[in-house]
Each structure stands twice: as C-alpha cells, then as structure tokens.
Amino acid sequence: MNILFCGDQHAEDGVLISTLSLLKNTNEELHLYVLTMELPGKQYQPFSKHAADFIRSLLVEKNKNNTLELIDCSRLFVKQPPTANMGTRFTPYAMLRLFADQLPQIPDRVLYLDDDIIIRKDISAFYHQDLGHMEIVGILDYWGRFFFHNWKSKRVFDYMNSGVLLFNMPEIKQTKLFAKVRHMMQVKKMFLPDQSAINKLAVRKRIAPRKYNEQYHLRPDTMIQHFTTSFRFKPYFHTLTVKPWDVERVHSVLHLHEYDDLLEQYLNLKNKLS
C-alpha cells in the first residue's frame, strides 16, 4: 500500500499518528512517501530527517519490507510556485502533492492523506479498487458539497475534500491534471486553492462513500476519520478545530475516546522522538 504525505515540521506529529493507525489496521506492506521542502523567508521548517528516520523504524519493526522515503521538493516548488495564492491562508506545503507527477519515486497508485487523518479500519478494499481511467477517487467535502459544484459534471454533489485522495498516476500524467492545477494556482487566487483547482479541473473522478473520509463526527461505519475544521451550531454558531495530536482536547472538546490506545502510544513515542 503506497501512502503519500506532505508537510513541514508541524506535520510530524500527524504523520506519526496516521502511520500508527495504518500499522494497526493493515497487514499489507506499507510504502510511505513524505514530500517536504525548504521555504526561505517563511516561518516553516521542512519535515525533519530525524522524524522520518524514527517513523521508518516503526514501519520496519512491523515488517522489514516497509519503507519511508523523505523527498525534497524545494527545486520543483521554486520553479513553479503558486504565485497568486502565496498571500492567502493557504499552506504552500499542501501543494507539494501536485508535484507527484514529476517525481519518479511515486508509484502508479498512491493514496494521499492529510496529516490530521486517523485510519480506523482496514482500508484495503478502498485502496485496491479498480481505477480504470479514473484520475482521482475522493469523498465529498462535508460542507463544500452544498456550496461548490462543477456544472460541467452535471452532478448535484461533486465537490471532493482533498484530505483523502487515491491517485491514478498514469492517468494523471496522461491528462496533465496536476500540471493544469499548478498553472491555475499560479494565475488565479482561490479559496482553498489546491482543493478548488483539483475539483474544477479533474475530468475523471469517482466519489467514494463518506465512511472513507468522515469529516464531521465518528459513525459506526467510519473507516477513515479526518479531523477538519467544522461548523457547530450550539450553543452558538462557531467553527471548531481539534487535531488528533491535541489529545486533551480530543477528550474534553470532542468527548472522543475511540483512539485512546493509539493516542497513548503516540504520546509515549513522542517523548522518544523528542
């Protein structure tokens, strides 16, 4: 199973938790690819080699054939930065997945995951589905599905959340999807730019069931839980953001104890990583 992460040093805790959840819920070989970069003049530091080596050791401990490759995308980013969106709330590290078509290390089938994801059950069926000529398989954005639509698709609900995306790389290279998305991010300022551009430009996309990217609250059939920023209406309208590595707030705010064993393991390992 090939897994793609992107991020700076702030993604290290999330990638560690996601990796632990993968190790818990699959017996398949895992091959992780972590894309990072140096970004001069910004407050970001790249995903560290120390963290990558530590996570790799956990993978190999489970299966000696498991791998993790840390890939520096600095050169690619500087060559084609998302110029029109650099002054937005957009985190430029999220764009790194859009260079996957230019990285020979990336295999033909790869599952991209945001760093605030927890795998709850075995996702082999989702990962190994027949892709045919699909470019991407994704799940509807919980809130965005109501507001954003690609009218060319003639579907009422077609706006995918970009936190869980199964990439068919040969098809993406053939259609030049990522090249088109990178160009759009250079010339057009957008809300949630990479997600918006992918949704606008992807021609062959499949919408998978909600259980593979649950963005609101845990349900009995949830396979992947995504700790996104969401809206709450009681006792007043507000946004709510709780990430898996903020264990105390997972308990006190979300009242969620589903992952206590996993998060306890994370806290113990985090001390070693530090």
Protein backbone atom coordinates (compact mmCIF):
# COMPACT_ATOMS: atom_id res chain seq x y z
CA MET A 1 0.00 0.00 0.00
CA ASN A 2 1.56 3.28 -1.15
CA ILE A 3 0.82 6.32 1.02
CA LEU A 4 1.66 9.96 0.28
CA PHE A 5 2.04 12.68 2.92
CA CYS A 6 3.14 16.30 2.53
CA GLY A 7 4.22 18.85 5.09
CA ASP A 8 6.71 20.78 7.14
CA GLN A 9 7.90 20.05 10.68
CA HIS A 10 4.40 20.77 12.02
CA ALA A 11 3.16 17.70 10.16
CA GLU A 12 5.46 15.32 12.03
CA ASP A 13 3.05 14.54 14.89
CA GLY A 14 0.17 13.97 12.50
CA VAL A 15 2.15 11.70 10.18
CA LEU A 16 3.30 9.71 13.22
CA ILE A 17 -0.30 9.21 14.40
CA SER A 18 -1.54 8.35 10.91
CA THR A 19 1.30 5.84 10.49
CA LEU A 20 0.49 4.20 13.82
CA SER A 21 -3.14 3.87 12.72
CA LEU A 22 -2.07 2.33 9.42
CA LEU A 23 0.19 -0.17 11.20
CA LYS A 24 -2.68 -1.10 13.49
CA ASN A 25 -5.20 -1.68 10.72
CA THR A 26 -3.33 -3.31 7.84
CA ASN A 27 -1.07 -6.29 7.35
CA GLU A 28 -0.02 -5.17 3.88
CA GLU A 29 3.41 -3.79 3.09
CA LEU A 30 3.44 -0.03 3.58
CA HIS A 31 5.48 2.32 1.42
CA LEU A 32 5.30 5.91 2.64
CA TYR A 33 6.40 8.97 0.69
CA VAL A 34 6.75 12.25 2.59
CA LEU A 35 7.14 15.37 0.44
CA THR A 36 8.70 18.43 2.06
CA MET A 37 10.82 21.46 1.15
CA GLU A 38 12.89 24.39 2.31
CA LEU A 39 10.91 27.63 2.07
CA PRO A 40 13.23 30.64 2.60
CA GLY A 41 11.78 33.69 4.30
CA LYS A 42 8.87 31.82 5.86
CA GLN A 43 8.22 30.50 9.35
CA TYR A 44 8.27 26.91 8.14
CA GLN A 45 10.96 24.29 8.59
CA PRO A 46 10.99 21.10 6.49
CA PHE A 47 9.86 17.73 7.78
CA SER A 48 12.99 16.56 9.59
CA LYS A 49 15.17 13.63 8.67
CA HIS A 50 15.14 12.70 12.37
CA ALA A 51 11.33 12.33 12.39
CA ALA A 52 11.39 10.46 9.08
CA ASP A 53 14.03 8.02 10.39
CA PHE A 54 12.04 7.46 13.57
CA ILE A 55 8.78 6.73 11.73
CA ARG A 56 10.66 4.49 9.31
CA SER A 57 11.99 2.45 12.25
CA LEU A 58 8.41 1.83 13.43
CA LEU A 59 7.41 0.69 9.96
CA VAL A 60 10.34 -1.70 9.64
CA GLU A 61 9.72 -3.06 13.13
CA LYS A 62 6.30 -4.24 11.91
CA ASN A 63 7.52 -5.51 8.53
CA LYS A 64 11.10 -5.40 7.28
CA ASN A 65 9.81 -4.66 3.76
CA ASN A 66 8.02 -1.47 4.83
CA THR A 67 9.66 1.74 3.63
CA LEU A 68 9.56 5.51 4.07
CA GLU A 69 11.15 7.96 1.65
CA LEU A 70 11.56 11.64 2.50
CA ILE A 71 11.59 13.67 -0.73
CA ASP A 72 12.79 17.27 -1.00
CA CYS A 73 10.59 19.20 -3.47
CA SER A 74 12.23 22.61 -2.96
CA ARG A 75 13.53 22.86 -6.52
CA LEU A 76 10.17 21.98 -8.04
CA PHE A 77 8.29 24.46 -5.86
CA VAL A 78 10.66 27.35 -6.59
CA LYS A 79 10.40 26.59 -10.30
CA GLN A 80 6.59 26.76 -10.26
CA PRO A 81 5.27 28.48 -7.12
CA PRO A 82 1.51 29.08 -6.63
CA THR A 83 2.12 32.80 -7.12
CA ALA A 84 -1.49 34.01 -6.98
CA ASN A 85 -2.15 32.16 -3.72
CA MET A 86 1.01 32.74 -1.70
CA GLY A 87 -0.59 35.59 0.27
CA THR A 88 -3.66 33.60 1.29
CA ARG A 89 -4.26 31.37 4.34
CA PHE A 90 -3.22 28.51 2.07
CA THR A 91 -0.31 26.42 3.40
CA PRO A 92 2.12 26.06 0.49
CA TYR A 93 3.21 22.62 1.69
CA ALA A 94 -0.21 21.29 0.72
CA MET A 95 0.70 22.00 -2.89
CA LEU A 96 3.59 19.54 -2.84
CA ARG A 97 1.31 16.60 -3.69
CA LEU A 98 0.70 18.33 -7.02
CA PHE A 99 4.32 17.66 -8.00
CA ALA A 100 3.84 13.89 -7.68
CA ASP A 101 3.68 13.58 -11.47
CA GLN A 102 7.26 14.91 -11.65
CA LEU A 103 8.70 12.55 -9.06
CA PRO A 104 9.86 9.20 -10.50
CA GLN A 105 9.78 7.68 -6.99
CA ILE A 106 5.99 7.95 -6.80
CA PRO A 107 4.30 4.69 -7.90
CA ASP A 108 1.36 4.36 -10.26
CA ARG A 109 -1.19 4.02 -7.45
CA VAL A 110 -0.79 6.12 -4.31
CA LEU A 111 -3.18 7.20 -1.55
CA TYR A 112 -2.71 10.79 -0.43
CA LEU A 113 -3.60 11.54 3.20
CA ASP A 114 -3.64 14.82 5.11
CA ASP A 115 -1.69 14.74 8.36
CA ASP A 116 -4.85 15.05 10.52
CA ILE A 117 -6.17 11.64 9.48
CA ILE A 118 -6.68 8.52 11.59
CA ILE A 119 -7.25 5.16 9.91
CA ARG A 120 -9.90 3.34 11.93
CA LYS A 121 -10.34 0.08 9.98
CA ASP A 122 -8.72 -1.89 7.17
CA ILE A 123 -8.90 0.26 4.02
CA SER A 124 -7.56 -2.37 1.60
CA ALA A 125 -10.81 -2.55 -0.39
CA PHE A 126 -10.77 1.21 -0.94
CA TYR A 127 -7.10 1.24 -1.88
CA HIS A 128 -7.27 -1.69 -4.30
CA GLN A 129 -10.47 -0.69 -6.12
CA ASP A 130 -10.41 -0.83 -9.91
CA LEU A 131 -9.40 2.63 -11.09
CA GLY A 132 -9.92 2.11 -14.80
CA HIS A 133 -9.45 5.51 -16.43
CA MET A 134 -10.22 7.49 -13.28
CA GLU A 135 -7.73 10.19 -12.39
CA ILE A 136 -8.75 10.51 -8.76
CA VAL A 137 -11.04 8.87 -6.22
CA GLY A 138 -12.21 11.11 -3.38
CA ILE A 139 -15.01 11.77 -0.93
CA LEU A 140 -17.45 14.68 -0.88
CA ASP A 141 -16.44 17.64 1.23
CA TYR A 142 -18.92 17.65 4.13
CA TRP A 143 -19.71 21.37 3.89
CA GLY A 144 -18.37 22.28 0.45
CA ARG A 145 -20.73 19.85 -1.31
CA PHE A 146 -23.58 22.29 -0.60
CA PHE A 147 -21.85 25.37 -2.00
CA PHE A 148 -19.43 24.33 -4.74
CA HIS A 149 -20.22 22.48 -7.93
CA ASN A 150 -18.57 21.83 -11.27
CA TRP A 151 -21.53 22.40 -13.55
CA LYS A 152 -19.80 20.58 -16.41
CA SER A 153 -20.12 17.30 -14.50
CA LYS A 154 -23.93 17.67 -14.33
CA ARG A 155 -23.91 16.24 -10.79
CA VAL A 156 -25.57 17.89 -7.82
CA PHE A 157 -22.84 16.78 -5.41
CA ASP A 158 -19.35 16.50 -6.87
CA TYR A 159 -17.06 18.71 -4.71
CA MET A 160 -14.44 16.47 -3.13
CA ASN A 161 -12.50 17.06 0.05
CA SER A 162 -8.79 16.86 -0.75
CA GLY A 163 -7.69 15.21 2.52
CA VAL A 164 -8.12 11.65 1.24
CA LEU A 165 -7.40 11.15 -2.46
CA LEU A 166 -6.50 7.98 -4.33
CA PHE A 167 -4.31 8.95 -7.28
CA ASN A 168 -4.07 7.05 -10.57
CA MET A 169 -0.71 8.50 -11.59
CA PRO A 170 -0.52 7.16 -15.19
CA GLU A 171 -3.90 8.72 -15.93
CA ILE A 172 -2.95 11.99 -14.18
CA LYS A 173 0.20 12.20 -16.28
CA GLN A 174 -1.71 11.47 -19.47
CA THR A 175 -4.36 14.15 -18.86
CA LYS A 176 -1.77 16.56 -17.37
CA LEU A 177 -4.17 17.19 -14.49
CA PHE A 178 -1.54 18.25 -11.96
CA ALA A 179 0.23 20.47 -14.49
CA LYS A 180 -3.09 22.25 -15.13
CA VAL A 181 -3.76 22.61 -11.41
CA ARG A 182 -0.30 24.07 -10.77
CA HIS A 183 -0.83 26.60 -13.56
CA MET A 184 -4.23 27.62 -12.20
CA MET A 185 -2.72 28.20 -8.75
CA GLN A 186 -0.12 30.46 -10.33
CA VAL A 187 -2.61 32.72 -12.09
CA LYS A 188 -5.89 32.58 -10.15
CA LYS A 189 -6.47 33.39 -6.48
CA MET A 190 -8.90 30.88 -4.95
CA PHE A 191 -10.49 29.83 -1.69
CA LEU A 192 -8.85 26.54 -0.63
CA PRO A 193 -6.81 26.83 -3.83
CA ASP A 194 -5.44 23.34 -4.40
CA GLN A 195 -8.72 21.66 -3.44
CA SER A 196 -10.74 24.06 -5.59
CA ALA A 197 -8.45 23.64 -8.59
CA ILE A 198 -8.47 19.84 -8.38
CA ASN A 199 -12.25 19.84 -8.26
CA LYS A 200 -12.57 22.24 -11.18
CA LEU A 201 -10.07 20.52 -13.46
CA ALA A 202 -10.39 16.79 -12.70
CA VAL A 203 -12.42 15.25 -15.50
CA ARG A 204 -12.44 11.61 -14.45
CA LYS A 205 -13.14 11.44 -10.75
CA ARG A 206 -15.05 8.93 -8.66
CA ILE A 207 -16.93 9.81 -5.48
CA ALA A 208 -16.46 7.20 -2.75
CA PRO A 209 -18.67 6.72 0.33
CA ARG A 210 -18.45 9.11 3.27
CA LYS A 211 -17.01 6.41 5.54
CA TYR A 212 -13.63 6.76 3.80
CA ASN A 213 -13.25 10.43 4.83
CA GLU A 214 -15.50 11.21 7.79
CA GLN A 215 -15.14 14.94 8.38
CA TYR A 216 -17.87 15.64 10.93
CA HIS A 217 -18.21 13.05 13.65
CA LEU A 218 -17.41 9.40 14.21
CA ARG A 219 -20.03 6.98 12.87
CA PRO A 220 -20.25 3.18 13.22
CA ASP A 221 -19.06 2.54 9.65
CA THR A 222 -16.21 5.11 9.66
CA MET A 223 -13.04 3.73 8.07
CA ILE A 224 -11.02 6.98 7.99
CA GLN A 225 -11.66 9.91 10.31
CA HIS A 226 -10.49 13.35 9.21
CA PHE A 227 -10.14 15.98 11.93
CA THR A 228 -11.02 19.02 9.81
CA THR A 229 -12.24 22.42 10.90
CA SER A 230 -16.02 22.17 11.04
CA PHE A 231 -19.03 24.26 11.97
CA ARG A 232 -21.04 23.87 15.16
CA PHE A 233 -24.43 25.47 15.81
CA LYS A 234 -24.82 25.01 19.58
CA PRO A 235 -24.78 26.83 21.92
CA TYR A 236 -23.97 29.38 19.19
CA PHE A 237 -22.64 29.25 15.65
CA HIS A 238 -18.85 28.75 15.65
CA THR A 239 -16.02 26.89 13.99
CA LEU A 240 -14.32 24.02 15.76
CA THR A 241 -10.80 22.73 15.17
CA VAL A 242 -9.38 19.83 17.16
CA LYS A 243 -6.43 17.84 15.83
CA PRO A 244 -5.53 14.27 16.84
CA TRP A 245 -2.25 15.29 18.47
CA ASP A 246 -4.11 17.65 20.82
CA VAL A 247 -5.09 14.66 22.93
CA GLU A 248 -6.54 16.62 25.86
CA ARG A 249 -8.97 18.49 23.57
CA VAL A 250 -9.87 15.29 21.71
CA HIS A 251 -11.20 14.15 25.10
CA SER A 252 -12.55 17.39 26.58
CA VAL A 253 -13.99 19.05 23.46
CA LEU A 254 -14.89 16.15 21.15
CA HIS A 255 -15.55 13.72 24.00
CA LEU A 256 -13.91 11.12 21.82
CA HIS A 257 -12.19 8.08 23.33
CA GLU A 258 -12.24 5.78 20.31
CA TYR A 259 -8.48 6.17 19.77
CA ASP A 260 -7.23 6.24 23.34
CA ASP A 261 -4.88 3.28 22.88
CA LEU A 262 -3.45 4.77 19.70
CA LEU A 263 -3.02 8.24 21.18
CA GLU A 264 -1.40 6.85 24.32
CA GLN A 265 1.07 5.04 22.09
CA TYR A 266 1.67 8.30 20.22
CA LEU A 267 2.37 10.23 23.45
CA ASN A 268 4.84 7.61 24.63
CA LEU A 269 6.64 7.60 21.28
CA LYS A 270 6.62 11.39 21.03
CA ASN A 271 8.79 11.52 24.15
CA LYS A 272 11.31 9.26 22.43
CA LEU A 273 11.13 11.31 19.24
CA SER A 274 11.87 14.49 21.17
